[in-house]
N, C-alpha and C. Protein backbone atom coordinates (compact mmCIF):
# COMPACT_ATOMS: atom_id res chain seq x y z
N MET A 1 5.33 -6.80 -11.73
CA MET A 1 4.07 -7.18 -11.11
C MET A 1 2.95 -7.04 -12.15
N THR A 2 1.94 -7.87 -12.00
CA THR A 2 0.78 -7.77 -12.88
C THR A 2 -0.40 -7.23 -12.08
N GLU A 3 -1.35 -6.68 -12.78
CA GLU A 3 -2.52 -6.12 -12.09
C GLU A 3 -3.29 -7.23 -11.39
N THR A 4 -3.66 -6.96 -10.15
CA THR A 4 -4.42 -7.91 -9.35
C THR A 4 -5.90 -7.73 -9.66
N PRO A 5 -6.60 -8.83 -9.97
CA PRO A 5 -8.04 -8.72 -10.25
C PRO A 5 -8.78 -8.11 -9.06
N GLY A 6 -9.74 -7.25 -9.36
CA GLY A 6 -10.54 -6.63 -8.31
C GLY A 6 -9.90 -5.41 -7.69
N ILE A 7 -8.68 -5.06 -8.12
CA ILE A 7 -7.99 -3.89 -7.58
C ILE A 7 -8.04 -2.79 -8.63
N ASN A 8 -8.49 -1.60 -8.23
CA ASN A 8 -8.46 -0.45 -9.13
C ASN A 8 -7.13 0.26 -8.94
N TRP A 9 -6.32 0.33 -9.98
CA TRP A 9 -4.99 0.92 -9.92
C TRP A 9 -5.01 2.35 -10.41
N LEU A 10 -4.29 3.21 -9.72
CA LEU A 10 -4.19 4.62 -10.07
C LEU A 10 -2.78 4.93 -10.57
N THR A 11 -2.68 5.67 -11.66
CA THR A 11 -1.38 6.09 -12.17
C THR A 11 -0.95 7.37 -11.45
N ILE A 12 0.27 7.78 -11.66
CA ILE A 12 0.76 9.02 -11.06
C ILE A 12 -0.13 10.21 -11.50
N PRO A 13 -0.46 10.34 -12.81
CA PRO A 13 -1.37 11.43 -13.18
C PRO A 13 -2.73 11.34 -12.48
N ASP A 14 -3.26 10.12 -12.30
CA ASP A 14 -4.52 9.95 -11.56
C ASP A 14 -4.37 10.52 -10.15
N LEU A 15 -3.24 10.18 -9.52
CA LEU A 15 -3.01 10.61 -8.14
C LEU A 15 -2.83 12.12 -8.03
N THR A 16 -2.14 12.72 -9.00
CA THR A 16 -1.95 14.18 -8.94
C THR A 16 -3.31 14.88 -8.98
N GLU A 17 -4.20 14.36 -9.82
CA GLU A 17 -5.53 14.95 -9.92
C GLU A 17 -6.35 14.69 -8.65
N MET A 18 -6.33 13.45 -8.17
CA MET A 18 -7.12 13.06 -7.01
C MET A 18 -6.66 13.77 -5.73
N LEU A 19 -5.33 13.89 -5.57
CA LEU A 19 -4.77 14.46 -4.34
C LEU A 19 -4.51 15.95 -4.45
N GLY A 20 -4.61 16.50 -5.66
CA GLY A 20 -4.35 17.91 -5.85
C GLY A 20 -2.88 18.27 -5.64
N LEU A 21 -1.99 17.36 -6.05
CA LEU A 21 -0.56 17.55 -5.86
C LEU A 21 0.16 17.57 -7.20
N LYS A 22 1.41 18.04 -7.18
CA LYS A 22 2.26 17.99 -8.37
C LYS A 22 2.85 16.58 -8.47
N VAL A 23 3.32 16.22 -9.66
CA VAL A 23 3.94 14.92 -9.88
C VAL A 23 5.08 14.71 -8.89
N SER A 24 5.90 15.73 -8.69
CA SER A 24 7.04 15.59 -7.76
C SER A 24 6.57 15.32 -6.33
N GLN A 25 5.44 15.89 -5.95
CA GLN A 25 4.91 15.65 -4.60
C GLN A 25 4.39 14.23 -4.45
N VAL A 26 3.76 13.69 -5.49
CA VAL A 26 3.28 12.31 -5.46
C VAL A 26 4.48 11.37 -5.40
N ARG A 27 5.50 11.65 -6.20
CA ARG A 27 6.71 10.81 -6.16
C ARG A 27 7.35 10.85 -4.78
N ARG A 28 7.32 11.99 -4.12
CA ARG A 28 7.88 12.13 -2.77
C ARG A 28 7.09 11.26 -1.78
N LEU A 29 5.77 11.22 -1.92
CA LEU A 29 4.95 10.36 -1.06
C LEU A 29 5.38 8.90 -1.20
N ILE A 30 5.70 8.50 -2.43
CA ILE A 30 6.14 7.13 -2.68
C ILE A 30 7.53 6.91 -2.09
N GLU A 31 8.43 7.85 -2.32
CA GLU A 31 9.79 7.75 -1.76
C GLU A 31 9.77 7.70 -0.24
N ASP A 32 8.88 8.48 0.38
CA ASP A 32 8.78 8.55 1.84
C ASP A 32 7.95 7.41 2.43
N ARG A 33 7.49 6.51 1.59
CA ARG A 33 6.71 5.34 1.99
C ARG A 33 5.35 5.71 2.59
N ALA A 34 4.83 6.87 2.23
CA ALA A 34 3.45 7.21 2.60
C ALA A 34 2.50 6.49 1.63
N LEU A 35 3.03 6.13 0.46
CA LEU A 35 2.32 5.34 -0.54
C LEU A 35 3.27 4.28 -1.06
N LEU A 36 2.71 3.21 -1.57
CA LEU A 36 3.50 2.15 -2.19
C LEU A 36 3.01 2.00 -3.62
N ALA A 37 3.96 2.02 -4.55
CA ALA A 37 3.62 1.88 -5.97
C ALA A 37 4.32 0.66 -6.54
N SER A 38 3.73 0.10 -7.57
CA SER A 38 4.33 -1.01 -8.31
C SER A 38 4.37 -0.64 -9.78
N ARG A 39 5.40 -1.10 -10.45
CA ARG A 39 5.50 -0.87 -11.89
C ARG A 39 4.71 -2.00 -12.57
N ILE A 40 3.66 -1.61 -13.26
CA ILE A 40 2.80 -2.56 -13.97
C ILE A 40 2.78 -2.16 -15.43
N ASP A 41 3.23 -3.06 -16.28
CA ASP A 41 3.34 -2.77 -17.72
C ASP A 41 4.11 -1.49 -17.96
N GLY A 42 5.17 -1.26 -17.17
CA GLY A 42 6.03 -0.11 -17.35
C GLY A 42 5.53 1.19 -16.75
N VAL A 43 4.38 1.16 -16.07
CA VAL A 43 3.78 2.36 -15.50
C VAL A 43 3.67 2.20 -13.99
N TRP A 44 4.09 3.22 -13.22
CA TRP A 44 3.95 3.17 -11.77
C TRP A 44 2.48 3.35 -11.41
N LYS A 45 1.98 2.42 -10.58
CA LYS A 45 0.57 2.46 -10.18
C LYS A 45 0.45 2.18 -8.69
N VAL A 46 -0.61 2.76 -8.11
CA VAL A 46 -0.92 2.63 -6.69
C VAL A 46 -2.35 2.11 -6.57
N PRO A 47 -2.59 1.11 -5.70
CA PRO A 47 -3.97 0.65 -5.51
C PRO A 47 -4.85 1.76 -4.93
N GLU A 48 -6.05 1.89 -5.46
CA GLU A 48 -6.97 2.93 -5.01
C GLU A 48 -7.27 2.80 -3.51
N GLN A 49 -7.20 1.57 -2.96
CA GLN A 49 -7.49 1.38 -1.54
C GLN A 49 -6.50 2.11 -0.63
N PHE A 50 -5.34 2.49 -1.17
CA PHE A 50 -4.34 3.20 -0.38
C PHE A 50 -4.70 4.67 -0.16
N ILE A 51 -5.77 5.14 -0.84
CA ILE A 51 -6.22 6.53 -0.71
C ILE A 51 -7.54 6.53 0.06
N VAL A 52 -7.58 7.29 1.14
CA VAL A 52 -8.78 7.37 1.97
C VAL A 52 -9.10 8.86 2.19
N ASN A 53 -10.33 9.23 1.90
CA ASN A 53 -10.78 10.62 2.07
C ASN A 53 -9.84 11.60 1.37
N GLY A 54 -9.40 11.25 0.16
CA GLY A 54 -8.60 12.16 -0.64
C GLY A 54 -7.15 12.31 -0.22
N GLU A 55 -6.65 11.39 0.59
CA GLU A 55 -5.23 11.43 0.97
C GLU A 55 -4.72 10.02 1.25
N PRO A 56 -3.39 9.86 1.25
CA PRO A 56 -2.86 8.52 1.54
C PRO A 56 -3.33 8.02 2.91
N MET A 57 -3.69 6.75 2.98
CA MET A 57 -4.13 6.16 4.24
C MET A 57 -3.03 6.34 5.30
N HIS A 58 -3.37 6.96 6.42
CA HIS A 58 -2.39 7.27 7.45
C HIS A 58 -1.69 6.03 8.00
N GLU A 59 -2.41 4.93 8.12
CA GLU A 59 -1.86 3.71 8.70
C GLU A 59 -0.87 3.00 7.79
N LEU A 60 -0.85 3.39 6.52
CA LEU A 60 -0.03 2.69 5.54
C LEU A 60 1.46 2.88 5.78
N ARG A 61 1.90 4.10 6.05
CA ARG A 61 3.34 4.38 6.18
C ARG A 61 3.99 3.53 7.27
N GLY A 62 3.42 3.51 8.46
CA GLY A 62 3.99 2.73 9.55
C GLY A 62 3.97 1.24 9.25
N THR A 63 2.90 0.79 8.60
CA THR A 63 2.80 -0.62 8.23
C THR A 63 3.88 -0.98 7.21
N LEU A 64 4.12 -0.10 6.24
CA LEU A 64 5.17 -0.34 5.26
C LEU A 64 6.54 -0.38 5.91
N MET A 65 6.74 0.43 6.93
CA MET A 65 8.02 0.41 7.65
C MET A 65 8.20 -0.91 8.41
N VAL A 66 7.14 -1.39 9.04
CA VAL A 66 7.21 -2.68 9.73
C VAL A 66 7.53 -3.79 8.73
N LEU A 67 6.89 -3.77 7.57
CA LEU A 67 7.14 -4.78 6.56
C LEU A 67 8.59 -4.71 6.07
N ALA A 68 9.09 -3.50 5.84
CA ALA A 68 10.49 -3.35 5.40
C ALA A 68 11.44 -3.87 6.48
N ASP A 69 11.16 -3.54 7.73
CA ASP A 69 11.99 -4.02 8.85
C ASP A 69 11.93 -5.54 8.97
N SER A 70 10.83 -6.12 8.52
CA SER A 70 10.66 -7.57 8.57
C SER A 70 11.26 -8.26 7.36
N GLY A 71 11.88 -7.49 6.46
CA GLY A 71 12.58 -8.08 5.32
C GLY A 71 11.79 -8.14 4.02
N PHE A 72 10.62 -7.53 3.98
CA PHE A 72 9.80 -7.54 2.77
C PHE A 72 10.35 -6.55 1.75
N THR A 73 10.40 -6.96 0.49
CA THR A 73 10.68 -6.02 -0.60
C THR A 73 9.39 -5.25 -0.86
N ASN A 74 9.46 -4.20 -1.66
CA ASN A 74 8.24 -3.45 -1.99
C ASN A 74 7.21 -4.34 -2.68
N GLU A 75 7.68 -5.20 -3.58
CA GLU A 75 6.75 -6.07 -4.30
C GLU A 75 6.11 -7.08 -3.34
N GLU A 76 6.90 -7.64 -2.44
CA GLU A 76 6.35 -8.58 -1.44
C GLU A 76 5.35 -7.87 -0.53
N ALA A 77 5.67 -6.64 -0.14
CA ALA A 77 4.76 -5.86 0.71
C ALA A 77 3.44 -5.61 -0.02
N MET A 78 3.52 -5.24 -1.29
CA MET A 78 2.31 -4.98 -2.08
C MET A 78 1.48 -6.25 -2.17
N ASN A 79 2.11 -7.36 -2.49
CA ASN A 79 1.37 -8.63 -2.60
C ASN A 79 0.71 -9.00 -1.28
N TRP A 80 1.44 -8.82 -0.17
CA TRP A 80 0.89 -9.18 1.14
C TRP A 80 -0.28 -8.28 1.50
N LEU A 81 -0.15 -6.98 1.28
CA LEU A 81 -1.22 -6.05 1.63
C LEU A 81 -2.52 -6.33 0.86
N LEU A 82 -2.39 -6.79 -0.38
CA LEU A 82 -3.57 -6.96 -1.23
C LEU A 82 -4.13 -8.38 -1.22
N SER A 83 -3.40 -9.33 -0.65
CA SER A 83 -3.84 -10.73 -0.65
C SER A 83 -4.54 -11.10 0.65
N GLU A 84 -5.37 -12.11 0.57
CA GLU A 84 -6.04 -12.62 1.77
C GLU A 84 -4.99 -13.13 2.76
N GLU A 85 -5.11 -12.72 4.00
CA GLU A 85 -4.21 -13.18 5.08
C GLU A 85 -5.06 -13.98 6.05
N ALA A 86 -4.80 -15.28 6.13
CA ALA A 86 -5.63 -16.19 6.93
C ALA A 86 -5.76 -15.73 8.38
N SER A 87 -4.67 -15.28 8.98
CA SER A 87 -4.73 -14.90 10.39
C SER A 87 -5.57 -13.64 10.63
N LEU A 88 -5.81 -12.87 9.58
CA LEU A 88 -6.66 -11.67 9.70
C LEU A 88 -8.09 -11.93 9.22
N GLY A 89 -8.25 -12.98 8.42
CA GLY A 89 -9.58 -13.30 7.87
C GLY A 89 -9.96 -12.38 6.72
N THR A 90 -9.02 -11.59 6.24
CA THR A 90 -9.25 -10.67 5.13
C THR A 90 -7.89 -10.22 4.62
N SER A 91 -7.87 -9.32 3.68
CA SER A 91 -6.58 -8.78 3.23
C SER A 91 -6.09 -7.76 4.27
N PRO A 92 -4.79 -7.62 4.43
CA PRO A 92 -4.28 -6.63 5.37
C PRO A 92 -4.77 -5.21 5.08
N ILE A 93 -4.90 -4.84 3.80
CA ILE A 93 -5.37 -3.49 3.49
C ILE A 93 -6.81 -3.31 3.94
N ALA A 94 -7.63 -4.34 3.79
CA ALA A 94 -9.03 -4.26 4.27
C ALA A 94 -9.05 -4.17 5.79
N ALA A 95 -8.16 -4.91 6.45
CA ALA A 95 -8.09 -4.84 7.93
C ALA A 95 -7.65 -3.44 8.37
N LEU A 96 -6.71 -2.84 7.66
CA LEU A 96 -6.30 -1.46 7.99
C LEU A 96 -7.47 -0.50 7.82
N GLN A 97 -8.22 -0.67 6.74
CA GLN A 97 -9.38 0.19 6.50
C GLN A 97 -10.43 0.03 7.60
N ALA A 98 -10.46 -1.16 8.22
CA ALA A 98 -11.42 -1.43 9.28
C ALA A 98 -10.90 -1.00 10.66
N GLY A 99 -9.73 -0.35 10.70
CA GLY A 99 -9.21 0.15 11.95
C GLY A 99 -8.42 -0.86 12.76
N ARG A 100 -7.93 -1.91 12.13
CA ARG A 100 -7.21 -2.98 12.84
C ARG A 100 -5.69 -2.84 12.66
N LYS A 101 -5.19 -1.62 12.77
CA LYS A 101 -3.78 -1.32 12.52
C LYS A 101 -2.83 -2.14 13.38
N ALA A 102 -3.06 -2.18 14.69
CA ALA A 102 -2.15 -2.89 15.59
C ALA A 102 -2.09 -4.38 15.24
N GLU A 103 -3.23 -4.97 14.94
CA GLU A 103 -3.29 -6.39 14.59
C GLU A 103 -2.53 -6.66 13.29
N VAL A 104 -2.73 -5.80 12.29
CA VAL A 104 -2.04 -5.96 11.01
C VAL A 104 -0.53 -5.88 11.22
N ARG A 105 -0.10 -4.92 12.00
CA ARG A 105 1.34 -4.75 12.21
C ARG A 105 1.94 -5.90 13.01
N ARG A 106 1.19 -6.44 13.95
CA ARG A 106 1.67 -7.62 14.70
C ARG A 106 1.88 -8.80 13.76
N VAL A 107 0.93 -9.03 12.88
CA VAL A 107 1.03 -10.12 11.91
C VAL A 107 2.23 -9.88 11.00
N ALA A 108 2.38 -8.66 10.51
CA ALA A 108 3.50 -8.33 9.62
C ALA A 108 4.84 -8.58 10.32
N GLN A 109 4.91 -8.20 11.57
CA GLN A 109 6.14 -8.39 12.33
C GLN A 109 6.45 -9.88 12.53
N ALA A 110 5.41 -10.65 12.78
CA ALA A 110 5.57 -12.09 13.01
C ALA A 110 6.04 -12.82 11.75
N LEU A 111 5.75 -12.23 10.58
CA LEU A 111 6.14 -12.85 9.32
C LEU A 111 7.57 -12.54 8.93
N GLY A 112 8.25 -11.73 9.74
CA GLY A 112 9.61 -11.28 9.41
C GLY A 112 10.54 -12.41 9.03
N PHE A 113 11.44 -12.07 8.12
CA PHE A 113 12.39 -13.05 7.60
C PHE A 113 13.63 -13.09 8.46
């Protein structure tokens, strides 16, 4: 994956500092799908929008599970979350930040493969 314009990407060390966690704890958040990371230029990175009030966005984990159940790979899920979604009128991550969790998940489910 390549860096998406307008997205501020955080590395694992950035996240350890921001979240006050050890590297192993940040990796566990990614493994448990509380965060989604992409390898960009050989480095695992997480979009800054996935962090709200100093912790992973609560709505993200369930949304990632819906996307996985719908057949999305991690890369497809990342692209979908960060791209404009016509049916939402914004990007899914922006809709989640605006409190539209149920709507985002309905759209994700409808896109299932």
